[in-house]
Amino acid sequence: NLLGSYGVRNAPSPEDRGRNTQSMEDTGFAGAVLSVPLFEGGRVNAKISEETALLAAAKERMKRLELQIRQETETAALDIQSSVARFKATEKSIEQAKESVRIESLKYEMGKGSITDVLDAHAALLQAETSYCRACIDYQISRARLKLATGGAL
């Protein structure tokens, strides 16, 4: 590096003047500075190692995030399939429960069955309809989770 400086020195009062000093004089210097970094190589290597470690950590976080997204997507897709299967099964159970209500009502009207059997058949129908509604809700929730996992708009 090359260095240089220029300025003016001023002695405003006579008592501030020293020997060989005028009231105003020009001052300056020019020179060269040699700087040799003795430990620079270790710092550069350490910085390279640090940045390499940060890059590896970022890659690992990205890989983990990709696996998490894949898992959430597959889980949501499987939940949809499960909900559809439950939905179809509950449709059949509703049909069976309706038929059971019809049969028990006919038996009661003919005097061959009790009101308890009719009420039990109605309770079973209500339970089947409740399961059907739960399957519908689970299906909608599974669809929303799949859209969320794949980045789709809800």
Protein backbone atom coordinates (compact mmCIF):
# COMPACT_ATOMS: atom_id res chain seq x y z
CA ASN A 1 0.00 0.00 0.00
CA LEU A 2 1.12 3.54 -0.67
CA LEU A 3 0.25 6.21 1.87
CA GLY A 4 0.45 9.97 1.72
CA SER A 5 -0.67 12.97 3.72
CA TYR A 6 -0.47 16.75 3.40
CA GLY A 7 -1.49 19.44 5.86
CA VAL A 8 -0.74 22.83 7.38
CA ARG A 9 0.59 23.36 10.89
CA ASN A 10 -0.35 26.62 12.58
CA ALA A 11 1.00 28.25 15.74
CA PRO A 12 -1.51 31.01 16.49
CA SER A 13 0.33 32.65 19.38
CA PRO A 14 4.06 33.37 19.83
CA GLU A 15 4.39 31.15 22.93
CA ASP A 16 3.08 28.15 20.88
CA ARG A 17 6.00 28.51 18.48
CA GLY A 18 8.94 26.27 19.09
CA ARG A 19 12.41 26.49 17.75
CA ASN A 20 12.54 26.54 14.00
CA THR A 21 8.75 26.85 13.86
CA GLN A 22 7.01 29.55 11.92
CA SER A 23 3.45 30.68 12.52
CA MET A 24 2.31 28.54 9.56
CA GLU A 25 4.12 25.78 7.79
CA ASP A 26 3.27 23.00 5.36
CA THR A 27 3.67 19.43 6.50
CA GLY A 28 3.31 16.14 4.69
CA PHE A 29 4.68 12.72 4.16
CA ALA A 30 4.59 9.90 1.66
CA GLY A 31 5.45 6.28 2.24
CA ALA A 32 4.84 2.66 1.47
CA VAL A 33 3.36 0.06 3.82
CA LEU A 34 3.95 -3.64 3.41
CA SER A 35 1.37 -5.90 5.07
CA VAL A 36 2.05 -9.63 5.21
CA PRO A 37 -0.83 -11.70 6.67
CA LEU A 38 0.91 -14.53 8.47
CA PHE A 39 -2.23 -16.38 9.62
CA GLU A 40 -4.54 -15.55 6.70
CA GLY A 41 -4.48 -19.09 5.28
CA GLY A 42 -5.99 -20.60 8.42
CA ARG A 43 -8.79 -18.05 8.49
CA VAL A 44 -9.65 -18.66 4.84
CA ASN A 45 -9.67 -22.42 5.36
CA ALA A 46 -11.84 -22.02 8.47
CA LYS A 47 -14.29 -19.80 6.58
CA ILE A 48 -14.46 -22.35 3.73
CA SER A 49 -15.12 -25.14 6.25
CA GLU A 50 -17.81 -23.07 7.96
CA GLU A 51 -19.61 -22.28 4.71
CA THR A 52 -19.33 -25.92 3.61
CA ALA A 53 -20.94 -27.00 6.88
CA LEU A 54 -23.71 -24.42 6.46
CA LEU A 55 -24.36 -25.67 2.91
CA ALA A 56 -24.52 -29.28 4.10
CA ALA A 57 -26.95 -28.31 6.87
CA ALA A 58 -29.15 -26.44 4.38
CA LYS A 59 -29.16 -29.46 2.06
CA GLU A 60 -30.12 -31.71 4.96
CA ARG A 61 -33.00 -29.39 5.95
CA MET A 62 -34.21 -29.37 2.36
CA LYS A 63 -34.04 -33.17 2.14
CA ARG A 64 -35.95 -33.49 5.43
CA LEU A 65 -38.59 -31.05 4.17
CA GLU A 66 -38.97 -32.98 0.91
CA LEU A 67 -39.46 -36.22 2.87
CA GLN A 68 -42.00 -34.54 5.13
CA ILE A 69 -43.94 -33.21 2.13
CA ARG A 70 -43.87 -36.65 0.48
CA GLN A 71 -45.10 -38.29 3.69
CA GLU A 72 -47.90 -35.75 4.17
CA THR A 73 -48.97 -36.12 0.55
CA GLU A 74 -49.02 -39.92 0.69
CA THR A 75 -50.84 -39.91 4.02
CA ALA A 76 -53.48 -37.52 2.70
CA ALA A 77 -53.97 -39.62 -0.46
CA LEU A 78 -54.35 -42.78 1.64
CA ASP A 79 -56.80 -40.97 3.93
CA ILE A 80 -58.88 -40.08 0.88
CA GLN A 81 -58.95 -43.70 -0.24
CA SER A 82 -59.90 -44.83 3.24
CA SER A 83 -62.66 -42.22 3.48
CA VAL A 84 -64.09 -43.27 0.13
CA ALA A 85 -64.11 -46.92 1.22
CA ARG A 86 -65.83 -46.02 4.52
CA PHE A 87 -68.26 -43.83 2.62
CA LYS A 88 -69.28 -46.75 0.39
CA ALA A 89 -69.48 -49.15 3.33
CA THR A 90 -71.72 -46.81 5.30
CA GLU A 91 -74.02 -46.40 2.30
CA LYS A 92 -74.58 -50.17 2.35
CA SER A 93 -75.08 -50.20 6.12
CA ILE A 94 -77.73 -47.47 5.77
CA GLU A 95 -79.57 -49.58 3.19
CA GLN A 96 -79.43 -52.59 5.53
CA ALA A 97 -80.58 -50.50 8.51
CA LYS A 98 -83.53 -49.13 6.52
CA GLU A 99 -84.52 -52.65 5.55
CA SER A 100 -84.22 -53.73 9.18
CA VAL A 101 -86.49 -50.83 10.26
CA ARG A 102 -89.02 -51.84 7.60
CA ILE A 103 -89.00 -55.49 8.68
CA GLU A 104 -89.21 -54.72 12.41
CA SER A 105 -92.04 -52.22 11.80
CA LEU A 106 -94.00 -54.86 9.81
CA LYS A 107 -93.40 -57.45 12.53
CA TYR A 108 -94.64 -54.99 15.17
CA GLU A 109 -97.74 -54.13 13.12
CA MET A 110 -98.53 -57.86 12.78
CA GLY A 111 -98.03 -58.38 16.48
CA LYS A 112 -95.00 -60.62 16.03
CA GLY A 113 -92.37 -58.15 17.31
CA SER A 114 -91.92 -55.69 20.14
CA ILE A 115 -91.58 -51.92 20.10
CA THR A 116 -88.08 -52.41 21.54
CA ASP A 117 -87.01 -54.18 18.35
CA VAL A 118 -88.40 -51.31 16.25
CA LEU A 119 -86.60 -48.74 18.40
CA ASP A 120 -83.35 -50.71 18.21
CA ALA A 121 -83.68 -50.81 14.42
CA HIS A 122 -84.22 -47.02 14.34
CA ALA A 123 -81.16 -46.54 16.60
CA ALA A 124 -79.08 -48.70 14.26
CA LEU A 125 -80.29 -46.60 11.29
CA LEU A 126 -79.38 -43.41 13.12
CA GLN A 127 -75.94 -44.82 13.93
CA ALA A 128 -75.39 -45.78 10.27
CA GLU A 129 -76.43 -42.30 9.12
CA THR A 130 -74.07 -40.74 11.68
CA SER A 131 -71.20 -42.90 10.41
CA TYR A 132 -72.08 -41.86 6.87
CA CYS A 133 -71.87 -38.17 7.83
CA ARG A 134 -68.55 -38.73 9.60
CA ALA A 135 -67.18 -40.47 6.50
CA CYS A 136 -68.28 -37.49 4.36
CA ILE A 137 -66.57 -35.05 6.74
CA ASP A 138 -63.40 -37.16 6.88
CA TYR A 139 -63.33 -37.24 3.09
CA GLN A 140 -63.53 -33.45 2.88
CA ILE A 141 -60.83 -33.06 5.53
CA SER A 142 -58.59 -35.51 3.67
CA ARG A 143 -59.07 -33.56 0.43
CA ALA A 144 -58.14 -30.33 2.21
CA ARG A 145 -55.02 -31.96 3.71
CA LEU A 146 -53.96 -33.20 0.28
CA LYS A 147 -54.39 -29.73 -1.20
CA LEU A 148 -52.41 -28.27 1.68
CA ALA A 149 -49.61 -30.82 1.30
CA THR A 150 -49.35 -30.27 -2.45
CA GLY A 151 -49.55 -26.48 -2.16
CA GLY A 152 -52.97 -26.16 -3.76
CA ALA A 153 -55.47 -23.45 -2.92
CA LEU A 154 -58.00 -24.44 -0.30
